[in-house]
Amino acid sequence: MDSRTLIAIFALMVLPVNAVADENAKGKAGYADVHGFKMYYRIEGSGRPLVLLHGALSNIDTDFGKLLPELAKERQVIAVEQQAHGRTGDLDRPLSYAQMADDTAELLRQLKIERADFFGYSMGGAIALELAMRHPELVRKLVWAGGANYSPDGLYPVIRDGAKDLKPELLAGSPWQKAYVGMAPEPSKWNALVFKVRDLDMHFAGWKSEEVHAIQAPVLLIIGDSDIVRPEHVVEMFRLLGGGVPGDVGGLPRAQLAVLPGTTHVTVVDRTSWLLSMVTAFLDAAPSKIN
């Protein structure tokens, strides 16, 4: 689903990251006991809740270091780190989108967040989609930025077939690995995390088209024009979610689609000004009456 192959790995080795020091962050940070492990979260700002969900092998700062402070100017931002990622602990359990969605829902229950918007990057977008299926009462609107797809067939073959090649040594010295060592409760578990992400990518079969079509929450899909997913697949997903209609005739649908020019999977979250303008407009818009 969110394969980290040699192409993406080598790109990360030379690209800047969005990280900001945690000690400079404003707001509240803490841990919650969730399904047998301690889950890290950070809350900044006030207003309508917006939950940020990071990508595979990453953390809040690396993916949202630039975006989070801007989004928190007008919203209550709840940023979450998933099992075995960032400052969150691990346990003897594989990673799955269903489980990570349930973990996130339980955290929000403990924080007394009854309904929220969700912004997920890469793996985080898949978690957000799973939340819309498993916990629809929680999801007001959701944004999936980077790698949006509902089937492994939506990935370019070189990406899909390369999941099996993911190994810890290929990530040595990468921003992900360096950040993990600096913040993880047990830095020695980096190798275990890499293998869990590899297994997640290799064994996830996707969702059925009817499951995607049944989602009622408005969805904004954002990809780069040189992302890891085939654009025609993302358009198909956009239609399943209610998009692909002539808006001048019947009004805008509940789903929206953005393709960022000159943008790869890794650089999607670097397009801060574009993302802020699109995401803010989508979240602030009145709900569409078109199904």
Protein backbone atom coordinates (compact mmCIF):
# COMPACT_ATOMS: atom_id res chain seq x y z
CA MET A 1 0.00 0.00 0.00
CA ASP A 2 2.61 2.51 1.10
CA SER A 3 5.73 0.76 -0.23
CA ARG A 4 9.12 2.26 0.62
CA THR A 5 11.32 0.90 -2.13
CA LEU A 6 14.84 1.69 -3.19
CA ILE A 7 13.67 4.67 -5.24
CA ALA A 8 11.98 6.39 -2.31
CA ILE A 9 14.74 5.39 0.06
CA PHE A 10 17.51 6.93 -1.99
CA ALA A 11 15.44 10.07 -2.47
CA LEU A 12 15.12 10.44 1.29
CA MET A 13 18.85 10.23 1.74
CA VAL A 14 19.37 13.55 -0.03
CA LEU A 15 16.17 15.48 0.65
CA PRO A 16 15.67 17.92 3.53
CA VAL A 17 13.13 17.00 6.17
CA ASN A 18 10.38 19.02 7.79
CA ALA A 19 11.53 18.32 11.31
CA VAL A 20 11.39 20.82 14.14
CA ALA A 21 12.68 20.16 17.63
CA ASP A 22 10.01 18.74 19.92
CA GLU A 23 11.12 20.95 22.78
CA ASN A 24 10.25 24.00 20.68
CA ALA A 25 6.70 22.81 20.05
CA LYS A 26 3.85 24.67 21.68
CA GLY A 27 0.82 23.09 23.28
CA LYS A 28 0.34 19.82 25.11
CA ALA A 29 2.13 16.52 24.57
CA GLY A 30 1.65 13.23 26.33
CA TYR A 31 1.03 9.50 26.23
CA ALA A 32 -2.11 7.41 26.46
CA ASP A 33 -2.37 3.71 27.31
CA VAL A 34 -3.87 2.26 24.14
CA HIS A 35 -4.38 -1.46 23.53
CA GLY A 36 -1.30 -2.51 25.47
CA PHE A 37 1.21 0.22 24.59
CA LYS A 38 1.85 3.90 25.26
CA MET A 39 0.76 6.07 22.30
CA TYR A 40 2.31 9.51 21.91
CA TYR A 41 0.26 12.53 20.89
CA ARG A 42 0.65 16.29 20.67
CA ILE A 43 -2.09 18.92 20.76
CA GLU A 44 -1.65 22.48 19.48
CA GLY A 45 -4.08 25.30 18.75
CA SER A 46 -7.81 25.57 19.31
CA GLY A 47 -10.95 25.23 17.22
CA ARG A 48 -12.35 22.34 15.19
CA PRO A 49 -10.23 19.20 15.77
CA LEU A 50 -7.86 18.07 13.00
CA VAL A 51 -5.93 14.82 13.46
CA LEU A 52 -2.55 14.44 11.71
CA LEU A 53 -1.43 10.92 10.76
CA HIS A 54 2.19 10.46 9.64
CA GLY A 55 3.68 8.12 7.06
CA ALA A 56 5.46 4.78 7.47
CA LEU A 57 8.76 4.80 9.39
CA SER A 58 8.24 8.45 10.20
CA ASN A 59 6.92 10.70 12.97
CA ILE A 60 5.08 13.97 13.60
CA ASP A 61 8.07 16.27 13.17
CA THR A 62 9.57 14.73 10.05
CA ASP A 63 6.29 14.77 8.13
CA PHE A 64 4.46 17.76 9.63
CA GLY A 65 7.15 20.03 11.04
CA LYS A 66 6.23 22.86 8.65
CA LEU A 67 2.50 22.20 8.31
CA LEU A 68 1.51 21.66 11.93
CA PRO A 69 2.21 25.19 13.25
CA GLU A 70 0.33 26.74 10.32
CA LEU A 71 -2.68 24.45 10.68
CA ALA A 72 -2.77 25.07 14.43
CA LYS A 73 -3.34 28.79 13.90
CA GLU A 74 -7.03 28.12 13.21
CA ARG A 75 -7.65 24.57 14.50
CA GLN A 76 -7.05 22.22 17.36
CA VAL A 77 -4.43 19.93 15.86
CA ILE A 78 -3.99 16.47 17.38
CA ALA A 79 -0.86 14.85 15.97
CA VAL A 80 -0.46 11.13 16.62
CA GLU A 81 2.46 8.68 16.43
CA GLN A 82 1.47 5.11 15.63
CA GLN A 83 2.64 1.85 17.15
CA ALA A 84 6.46 1.53 17.02
CA HIS A 85 6.84 4.94 15.34
CA GLY A 86 8.48 8.04 16.75
CA ARG A 87 8.02 8.29 20.52
CA THR A 88 5.34 5.58 20.67
CA GLY A 89 6.22 2.19 22.06
CA ASP A 90 5.91 -1.17 20.35
CA LEU A 91 4.50 -4.56 21.28
CA ASP A 92 4.48 -8.07 19.86
CA ARG A 93 1.88 -7.36 17.18
CA PRO A 94 2.19 -6.76 13.43
CA LEU A 95 1.20 -3.45 11.89
CA SER A 96 -2.14 -3.31 10.12
CA TYR A 97 -4.29 -0.43 8.92
CA ALA A 98 -7.29 -1.77 10.78
CA GLN A 99 -5.40 -2.00 14.07
CA MET A 100 -3.79 1.44 13.68
CA ALA A 101 -7.22 2.91 12.93
CA ASP A 102 -8.63 1.28 16.07
CA ASP A 103 -5.65 2.56 18.10
CA THR A 104 -6.25 6.09 16.83
CA ALA A 105 -9.97 5.88 17.59
CA GLU A 106 -9.24 4.74 21.15
CA LEU A 107 -6.76 7.58 21.67
CA LEU A 108 -9.35 10.11 20.49
CA ARG A 109 -11.94 8.56 22.80
CA GLN A 110 -9.59 9.07 25.73
CA LEU A 111 -8.99 12.67 24.64
CA LYS A 112 -12.78 13.14 24.44
CA ILE A 113 -12.67 13.98 20.73
CA GLU A 114 -16.05 12.85 19.38
CA ARG A 115 -15.65 14.00 15.77
CA ALA A 116 -12.69 15.37 13.82
CA ASP A 117 -11.15 16.05 10.44
CA PHE A 118 -8.19 13.86 9.45
CA PHE A 119 -5.09 14.63 7.40
CA GLY A 120 -2.97 11.59 6.59
CA TYR A 121 0.28 11.48 4.67
CA SER A 122 1.06 8.23 2.85
CA MET A 123 0.47 5.41 5.37
CA GLY A 124 -1.44 7.93 7.47
CA GLY A 125 -3.90 8.44 4.62
CA ALA A 126 -4.63 4.73 4.55
CA ILE A 127 -5.25 4.82 8.31
CA ALA A 128 -7.64 7.74 7.81
CA LEU A 129 -9.53 5.83 5.13
CA GLU A 130 -9.77 2.82 7.43
CA LEU A 131 -11.12 5.09 10.16
CA ALA A 132 -13.84 6.31 7.79
CA MET A 133 -14.86 2.67 7.27
CA ARG A 134 -14.50 1.32 10.82
CA HIS A 135 -15.38 4.44 12.82
CA PRO A 136 -17.47 6.64 10.50
CA GLU A 137 -18.94 8.56 13.44
CA LEU A 138 -15.46 9.97 14.16
CA VAL A 139 -14.68 11.26 10.68
CA ARG A 140 -16.09 14.58 9.51
CA LYS A 141 -13.74 15.02 6.51
CA LEU A 142 -10.48 13.42 5.50
CA VAL A 143 -7.47 14.29 3.39
CA TRP A 144 -5.10 11.67 1.98
CA ALA A 145 -1.91 13.28 0.66
CA GLY A 146 0.69 11.17 -1.13
CA GLY A 147 0.30 7.65 -2.48
CA ALA A 148 -3.50 7.56 -2.34
CA ASN A 149 -4.79 4.20 -3.58
CA TYR A 150 -7.26 1.52 -2.58
CA SER A 151 -5.49 -1.44 -4.20
CA PRO A 152 -1.83 -2.48 -4.58
CA ASP A 153 -2.53 -2.55 -8.32
CA GLY A 154 -2.74 1.23 -8.14
CA LEU A 155 0.99 1.44 -7.42
CA TYR A 156 3.54 1.49 -10.20
CA PRO A 157 4.86 -2.08 -10.58
CA VAL A 158 8.42 -1.07 -9.63
CA ILE A 159 7.05 0.29 -6.35
CA ARG A 160 4.62 -2.55 -5.64
CA ASP A 161 7.11 -5.30 -6.42
CA GLY A 162 9.94 -3.58 -4.57
CA ALA A 163 8.33 -3.85 -1.12
CA LYS A 164 10.10 -7.14 -0.48
CA ASP A 165 13.48 -5.42 -0.88
CA LEU A 166 13.07 -3.10 2.10
CA LYS A 167 15.89 -3.73 4.59
CA PRO A 168 17.23 -1.75 7.57
CA GLU A 169 20.68 -1.33 6.03
CA LEU A 170 19.19 0.51 3.06
CA LEU A 171 17.90 3.17 5.45
CA ALA A 172 21.07 3.65 7.47
CA GLY A 173 21.72 7.37 7.78
CA SER A 174 18.33 8.39 6.37
CA PRO A 175 16.26 11.14 8.04
CA TRP A 176 13.82 8.48 9.25
CA GLN A 177 16.51 6.39 10.92
CA LYS A 178 18.22 9.39 12.51
CA ALA A 179 14.95 10.75 13.87
CA TYR A 180 13.96 7.35 15.24
CA VAL A 181 17.24 6.91 17.14
CA GLY A 182 16.82 10.36 18.65
CA MET A 183 13.27 9.91 19.97
CA ALA A 184 12.19 6.25 20.16
CA PRO A 185 11.69 4.68 23.62
CA GLU A 186 13.87 1.77 22.45
CA PRO A 187 16.14 2.89 19.58
CA SER A 188 17.43 -0.67 19.14
CA LYS A 189 14.02 -1.66 17.70
CA TRP A 190 14.55 0.24 14.43
CA ASN A 191 15.22 -2.97 12.51
CA ALA A 192 12.02 -4.52 13.84
CA LEU A 193 10.03 -1.50 12.69
CA VAL A 194 11.47 -1.68 9.18
CA PHE A 195 10.51 -5.34 8.88
CA LYS A 196 7.00 -4.65 10.22
CA VAL A 197 6.52 -1.93 7.60
CA ARG A 198 7.83 -4.29 4.91
CA ASP A 199 5.34 -6.95 5.98
CA LEU A 200 2.51 -4.40 6.05
CA ASP A 201 3.30 -3.42 2.46
CA MET A 202 3.73 -6.96 1.21
CA HIS A 203 0.58 -8.46 2.72
CA PHE A 204 -2.02 -5.71 2.47
CA ALA A 205 -4.56 -6.74 -0.17
CA GLY A 206 -6.38 -3.40 -0.42
CA TRP A 207 -10.05 -2.57 -0.06
CA LYS A 208 -12.96 -3.64 -2.22
CA SER A 209 -14.36 -0.97 -4.51
CA GLU A 210 -17.75 -1.21 -2.81
CA GLU A 211 -16.11 -0.49 0.56
CA VAL A 212 -14.57 2.69 -0.79
CA HIS A 213 -17.80 3.69 -2.49
CA ALA A 214 -19.69 3.30 0.80
CA ILE A 215 -17.62 5.99 2.56
CA GLN A 216 -19.83 8.98 3.28
CA ALA A 217 -17.25 11.43 4.63
CA PRO A 218 -15.98 14.01 2.11
CA VAL A 219 -12.49 13.07 0.91
CA LEU A 220 -9.72 15.14 -0.65
CA LEU A 221 -7.11 13.06 -2.50
CA ILE A 222 -3.75 14.77 -3.14
CA ILE A 223 -0.93 13.17 -5.12
CA GLY A 224 2.20 14.33 -6.88
CA ASP A 225 2.29 14.02 -10.65
CA SER A 226 5.35 11.80 -10.11
CA ASP A 227 4.01 9.96 -7.06
CA ILE A 228 4.21 6.20 -6.39
CA VAL A 229 0.65 5.68 -7.68
CA ARG A 230 -0.71 5.66 -11.22
CA PRO A 231 -2.83 8.81 -11.79
CA GLU A 232 -5.53 6.82 -13.58
CA HIS A 233 -5.98 4.65 -10.48
CA VAL A 234 -6.37 7.71 -8.26
CA VAL A 235 -9.01 9.08 -10.66
CA GLU A 236 -10.84 5.75 -10.35
CA MET A 237 -10.70 6.08 -6.57
CA PHE A 238 -11.91 9.68 -6.83
CA ARG A 239 -14.98 8.46 -8.75
CA LEU A 240 -15.68 5.73 -6.19
CA LEU A 241 -15.72 8.41 -3.50
CA GLY A 242 -18.31 10.48 -5.37
CA GLY A 243 -16.16 12.61 -7.68
CA GLY A 244 -16.05 12.80 -11.44
CA VAL A 245 -19.19 14.82 -12.17
CA PRO A 246 -19.74 18.10 -14.07
CA GLY A 247 -19.92 20.51 -11.14
CA ASP A 248 -21.32 23.40 -13.18
CA VAL A 249 -24.40 21.32 -13.87
CA GLY A 250 -25.18 19.55 -10.62
CA GLY A 251 -22.87 21.15 -8.06
CA LEU A 252 -19.59 20.04 -6.57
CA PRO A 253 -19.35 16.44 -5.30
CA ARG A 254 -18.21 15.45 -1.82
CA ALA A 255 -14.85 14.19 -3.15
CA GLN A 256 -12.03 16.37 -4.45
CA LEU A 257 -8.79 15.59 -6.30
CA ALA A 258 -5.53 17.52 -6.58
CA VAL A 259 -2.44 16.60 -8.59
CA LEU A 260 0.60 18.66 -7.65
CA PRO A 261 2.96 19.42 -10.56
CA GLY A 262 6.63 18.53 -10.35
CA THR A 263 6.04 16.58 -7.15
CA THR A 264 7.11 13.10 -6.04
CA HIS A 265 5.76 10.96 -3.23
CA VAL A 266 8.50 12.11 -0.87
CA THR A 267 8.15 15.80 -1.71
CA VAL A 268 4.35 16.04 -1.34
CA VAL A 269 4.66 17.21 2.27
CA ASP A 270 7.23 19.83 1.24
CA ARG A 271 4.58 21.71 -0.76
CA THR A 272 3.49 23.58 2.33
CA SER A 273 1.81 26.58 0.71
CA TRP A 274 -0.10 24.45 -1.79
CA LEU A 275 -1.24 22.01 0.87
CA LEU A 276 -2.35 24.77 3.24
CA SER A 277 -4.44 26.49 0.58
CA MET A 278 -6.09 23.28 -0.64
CA VAL A 279 -6.59 21.57 2.70
CA THR A 280 -7.90 24.67 4.45
CA ALA A 281 -10.39 25.42 1.67
CA PHE A 282 -11.59 21.80 1.67
CA LEU A 283 -12.02 21.57 5.43
CA ASP A 284 -13.73 24.97 5.68
CA ALA A 285 -16.20 24.42 2.83
CA ALA A 286 -19.82 23.67 3.60
CA PRO A 287 -20.68 19.99 3.07
CA SER A 288 -21.75 19.17 -0.47
CA LYS A 289 -25.32 18.00 -1.06
CA ILE A 290 -24.21 15.90 -4.03
CA ASN A 291 -23.68 12.17 -3.34
